[in-house]
């Protein structure tokens, strides 16, 4: 399993979610993306993005001033 790191510390809304979306498009199905954010709104925005993209949130952890997400890239689901 390949894990890629995306450190978005210091970025403010909407940049963390936009950069996460772009990074998810660049990884293969089965790979994981670890995203580190300091913007408190990321705790809301990134889980909403994951629900929208259909990928899987493996974990979400809150540290003192950082939120760390691990996201697994999933096969796209075709909506009819």
N, C-alpha and C. Protein backbone atom coordinates (compact mmCIF):
# COMPACT_ATOMS: atom_id res chain seq x y z
N UNK A 1 0.85 -1.17 0.00
CA UNK A 1 0.00 0.00 0.00
C UNK A 1 0.90 1.24 0.00
N UNK A 2 0.62 2.15 -0.89
CA UNK A 2 1.40 3.38 -1.00
C UNK A 2 0.67 4.50 -0.28
N UNK A 3 1.39 5.21 0.58
CA UNK A 3 0.81 6.36 1.28
C UNK A 3 1.58 7.60 0.85
N UNK A 4 0.85 8.59 0.35
CA UNK A 4 1.46 9.86 -0.03
C UNK A 4 1.09 10.90 1.01
N UNK A 5 2.01 11.81 1.28
CA UNK A 5 1.80 12.85 2.29
C UNK A 5 1.50 14.18 1.63
N UNK A 6 0.49 14.87 2.14
CA UNK A 6 0.14 16.21 1.69
C UNK A 6 0.07 17.09 2.93
N UNK A 7 1.09 17.92 3.13
CA UNK A 7 1.15 18.80 4.30
C UNK A 7 0.57 20.16 3.93
N UNK A 8 -0.61 20.45 4.47
CA UNK A 8 -1.30 21.70 4.18
C UNK A 8 -1.32 22.61 5.41
N UNK A 9 -0.37 22.42 6.29
CA UNK A 9 -0.26 23.25 7.49
C UNK A 9 -0.10 24.71 7.08
N UNK A 10 -0.90 25.57 7.70
CA UNK A 10 -0.83 27.00 7.43
C UNK A 10 -1.80 27.47 6.36
N UNK A 11 -2.35 26.56 5.57
CA UNK A 11 -3.32 26.95 4.54
C UNK A 11 -4.70 27.16 5.17
N UNK A 12 -5.41 28.15 4.70
CA UNK A 12 -6.76 28.46 5.19
C UNK A 12 -7.80 28.07 4.14
N UNK A 13 -9.01 27.88 4.61
CA UNK A 13 -10.16 27.55 3.77
C UNK A 13 -10.26 28.56 2.62
N UNK A 14 -10.47 28.12 1.42
CA UNK A 14 -10.83 26.79 0.92
C UNK A 14 -9.64 25.98 0.40
N UNK A 15 -8.42 26.46 0.56
CA UNK A 15 -7.26 25.79 -0.05
C UNK A 15 -7.05 24.34 0.40
N UNK A 16 -7.22 23.98 1.69
CA UNK A 16 -7.01 22.57 2.05
C UNK A 16 -7.91 21.60 1.28
N UNK A 17 -9.16 21.94 1.13
CA UNK A 17 -10.07 21.02 0.43
C UNK A 17 -9.77 21.01 -1.07
N UNK A 18 -9.42 22.15 -1.63
CA UNK A 18 -9.11 22.20 -3.07
C UNK A 18 -7.83 21.42 -3.38
N UNK A 19 -6.82 21.56 -2.55
CA UNK A 19 -5.56 20.85 -2.77
C UNK A 19 -5.73 19.35 -2.50
N UNK A 20 -6.59 18.99 -1.55
CA UNK A 20 -6.86 17.58 -1.29
C UNK A 20 -7.57 16.96 -2.48
N UNK A 21 -8.55 17.64 -3.03
CA UNK A 21 -9.28 17.14 -4.22
C UNK A 21 -8.29 16.90 -5.37
N UNK A 22 -7.41 17.86 -5.61
CA UNK A 22 -6.43 17.73 -6.69
C UNK A 22 -5.48 16.55 -6.44
N UNK A 23 -5.04 16.39 -5.20
CA UNK A 23 -4.13 15.29 -4.86
C UNK A 23 -4.82 13.93 -5.03
N UNK A 24 -6.09 13.84 -4.68
CA UNK A 24 -6.83 12.58 -4.84
C UNK A 24 -6.94 12.19 -6.31
N UNK A 25 -7.04 13.17 -7.19
CA UNK A 25 -7.12 12.88 -8.62
C UNK A 25 -5.81 12.33 -9.15
N UNK A 26 -4.71 12.62 -8.46
CA UNK A 26 -3.39 12.23 -8.96
C UNK A 26 -2.89 10.89 -8.42
N UNK A 27 -3.66 10.24 -7.55
CA UNK A 27 -3.22 8.95 -7.01
C UNK A 27 -4.07 7.82 -7.58
N UNK A 28 -3.53 6.62 -7.54
CA UNK A 28 -4.21 5.46 -8.10
C UNK A 28 -5.15 4.83 -7.07
N UNK A 29 -6.13 4.10 -7.58
CA UNK A 29 -7.05 3.36 -6.73
C UNK A 29 -6.24 2.40 -5.85
N UNK A 30 -6.54 2.39 -4.57
CA UNK A 30 -5.83 1.53 -3.62
C UNK A 30 -4.73 2.26 -2.86
N UNK A 31 -4.28 3.39 -3.39
CA UNK A 31 -3.29 4.18 -2.68
C UNK A 31 -3.97 5.01 -1.60
N UNK A 32 -3.18 5.47 -0.64
CA UNK A 32 -3.72 6.30 0.43
C UNK A 32 -3.02 7.65 0.44
N UNK A 33 -3.76 8.64 0.88
CA UNK A 33 -3.25 10.00 0.99
C UNK A 33 -3.36 10.43 2.44
N UNK A 34 -2.25 10.85 3.03
CA UNK A 34 -2.27 11.40 4.38
C UNK A 34 -2.23 12.92 4.25
N UNK A 35 -3.24 13.59 4.78
CA UNK A 35 -3.38 15.04 4.68
C UNK A 35 -3.25 15.63 6.08
N UNK A 36 -2.36 16.61 6.22
CA UNK A 36 -2.17 17.29 7.50
C UNK A 36 -2.60 18.75 7.34
N UNK A 37 -3.51 19.18 8.20
CA UNK A 37 -4.07 20.54 8.13
C UNK A 37 -4.02 21.20 9.50
N UNK A 38 -3.96 22.54 9.49
CA UNK A 38 -4.05 23.30 10.73
C UNK A 38 -5.32 24.15 10.77
N UNK A 39 -6.02 24.28 9.65
CA UNK A 39 -7.25 25.05 9.60
C UNK A 39 -8.38 24.25 10.25
N UNK A 40 -9.02 24.75 11.32
CA UNK A 40 -10.08 24.00 11.99
C UNK A 40 -11.25 23.64 11.08
N UNK A 41 -11.51 24.44 10.05
CA UNK A 41 -12.62 24.13 9.14
C UNK A 41 -12.36 22.87 8.32
N UNK A 42 -11.11 22.45 8.24
CA UNK A 42 -10.78 21.22 7.52
C UNK A 42 -11.48 20.01 8.12
N UNK A 43 -11.73 20.05 9.42
CA UNK A 43 -12.42 18.93 10.09
C UNK A 43 -13.83 18.74 9.56
N UNK A 44 -14.38 19.77 8.95
CA UNK A 44 -15.72 19.69 8.34
C UNK A 44 -15.60 19.50 6.84
N UNK A 45 -14.74 20.31 6.22
CA UNK A 45 -14.65 20.35 4.76
C UNK A 45 -14.10 19.07 4.14
N UNK A 46 -13.05 18.50 4.70
CA UNK A 46 -12.45 17.33 4.07
C UNK A 46 -13.34 16.09 4.19
N UNK A 47 -13.97 15.80 5.34
CA UNK A 47 -14.92 14.69 5.35
C UNK A 47 -16.08 14.88 4.35
N UNK A 48 -16.54 16.11 4.18
CA UNK A 48 -17.59 16.37 3.18
C UNK A 48 -17.08 16.09 1.78
N UNK A 49 -15.84 16.46 1.49
CA UNK A 49 -15.23 16.17 0.19
C UNK A 49 -15.18 14.66 -0.04
N UNK A 50 -14.79 13.91 0.97
CA UNK A 50 -14.65 12.46 0.83
C UNK A 50 -16.01 11.82 0.57
N UNK A 51 -17.04 12.30 1.20
CA UNK A 51 -18.39 11.79 0.92
C UNK A 51 -18.78 12.09 -0.53
N UNK A 52 -18.37 13.25 -1.00
CA UNK A 52 -18.69 13.66 -2.37
C UNK A 52 -17.92 12.83 -3.41
N UNK A 53 -16.65 12.55 -3.15
CA UNK A 53 -15.82 11.83 -4.12
C UNK A 53 -16.05 10.32 -4.09
N UNK A 54 -16.58 9.81 -2.98
CA UNK A 54 -16.79 8.37 -2.87
C UNK A 54 -15.56 7.61 -2.39
N UNK A 55 -14.53 8.35 -1.99
CA UNK A 55 -13.34 7.70 -1.44
C UNK A 55 -13.61 7.35 0.02
N UNK A 56 -12.64 6.73 0.69
CA UNK A 56 -12.86 6.24 2.06
C UNK A 56 -11.96 6.97 3.05
N UNK A 57 -12.57 7.47 4.11
CA UNK A 57 -11.80 8.06 5.21
C UNK A 57 -11.33 6.92 6.10
N UNK A 58 -10.03 6.66 6.10
CA UNK A 58 -9.46 5.59 6.91
C UNK A 58 -9.35 6.03 8.36
N UNK A 59 -8.87 7.26 8.56
CA UNK A 59 -8.79 7.79 9.92
C UNK A 59 -8.76 9.31 9.89
N UNK A 60 -9.18 9.88 11.01
CA UNK A 60 -9.14 11.33 11.22
C UNK A 60 -8.74 11.53 12.67
N UNK A 61 -7.60 12.19 12.88
CA UNK A 61 -7.11 12.38 14.24
C UNK A 61 -6.81 13.86 14.47
N UNK A 62 -7.15 14.31 15.66
CA UNK A 62 -6.91 15.70 16.06
C UNK A 62 -5.76 15.72 17.05
N UNK A 63 -4.75 16.52 16.74
CA UNK A 63 -3.65 16.75 17.65
C UNK A 63 -3.78 18.18 18.15
N UNK A 64 -2.83 18.69 18.89
CA UNK A 64 -2.94 20.03 19.48
C UNK A 64 -3.39 21.07 18.46
N UNK A 65 -2.63 21.24 17.40
CA UNK A 65 -2.99 22.26 16.42
C UNK A 65 -3.03 21.70 15.01
N UNK A 66 -3.17 20.40 14.90
CA UNK A 66 -3.15 19.76 13.59
C UNK A 66 -4.20 18.66 13.50
N UNK A 67 -4.81 18.57 12.33
CA UNK A 67 -5.75 17.49 12.03
C UNK A 67 -5.11 16.64 10.95
N UNK A 68 -5.09 15.33 11.17
CA UNK A 68 -4.47 14.41 10.21
C UNK A 68 -5.53 13.45 9.69
N UNK A 69 -5.69 13.44 8.36
CA UNK A 69 -6.63 12.56 7.69
C UNK A 69 -5.84 11.53 6.89
N UNK A 70 -6.31 10.29 6.89
CA UNK A 70 -5.79 9.28 5.98
C UNK A 70 -6.97 8.86 5.12
N UNK A 71 -6.79 9.02 3.80
CA UNK A 71 -7.86 8.80 2.84
C UNK A 71 -7.43 7.72 1.86
N UNK A 72 -8.28 6.73 1.63
CA UNK A 72 -8.02 5.69 0.65
C UNK A 72 -8.76 6.01 -0.63
N UNK A 73 -8.03 5.98 -1.74
CA UNK A 73 -8.64 6.21 -3.05
C UNK A 73 -9.42 4.97 -3.46
N UNK A 74 -10.70 5.16 -3.83
CA UNK A 74 -11.57 4.05 -4.20
C UNK A 74 -11.95 4.14 -5.68
N UNK A 75 -12.45 3.03 -6.19
CA UNK A 75 -12.97 3.00 -7.56
C UNK A 75 -14.12 3.99 -7.68
N UNK A 76 -14.18 4.75 -8.77
CA UNK A 76 -15.32 5.65 -8.93
C UNK A 76 -16.61 4.84 -9.11
N UNK A 77 -17.67 5.35 -8.54
CA UNK A 77 -18.97 4.70 -8.63
C UNK A 77 -19.77 5.43 -9.70
N UNK A 78 -20.27 4.66 -10.64
CA UNK A 78 -21.07 5.25 -11.72
C UNK A 78 -22.50 5.45 -11.24
N UNK A 79 -22.97 6.68 -11.35
CA UNK A 79 -24.33 7.01 -10.94
C UNK A 79 -25.20 7.07 -12.19
N UNK A 80 -26.25 6.31 -12.18
CA UNK A 80 -27.15 6.27 -13.35
C UNK A 80 -28.28 7.26 -13.22
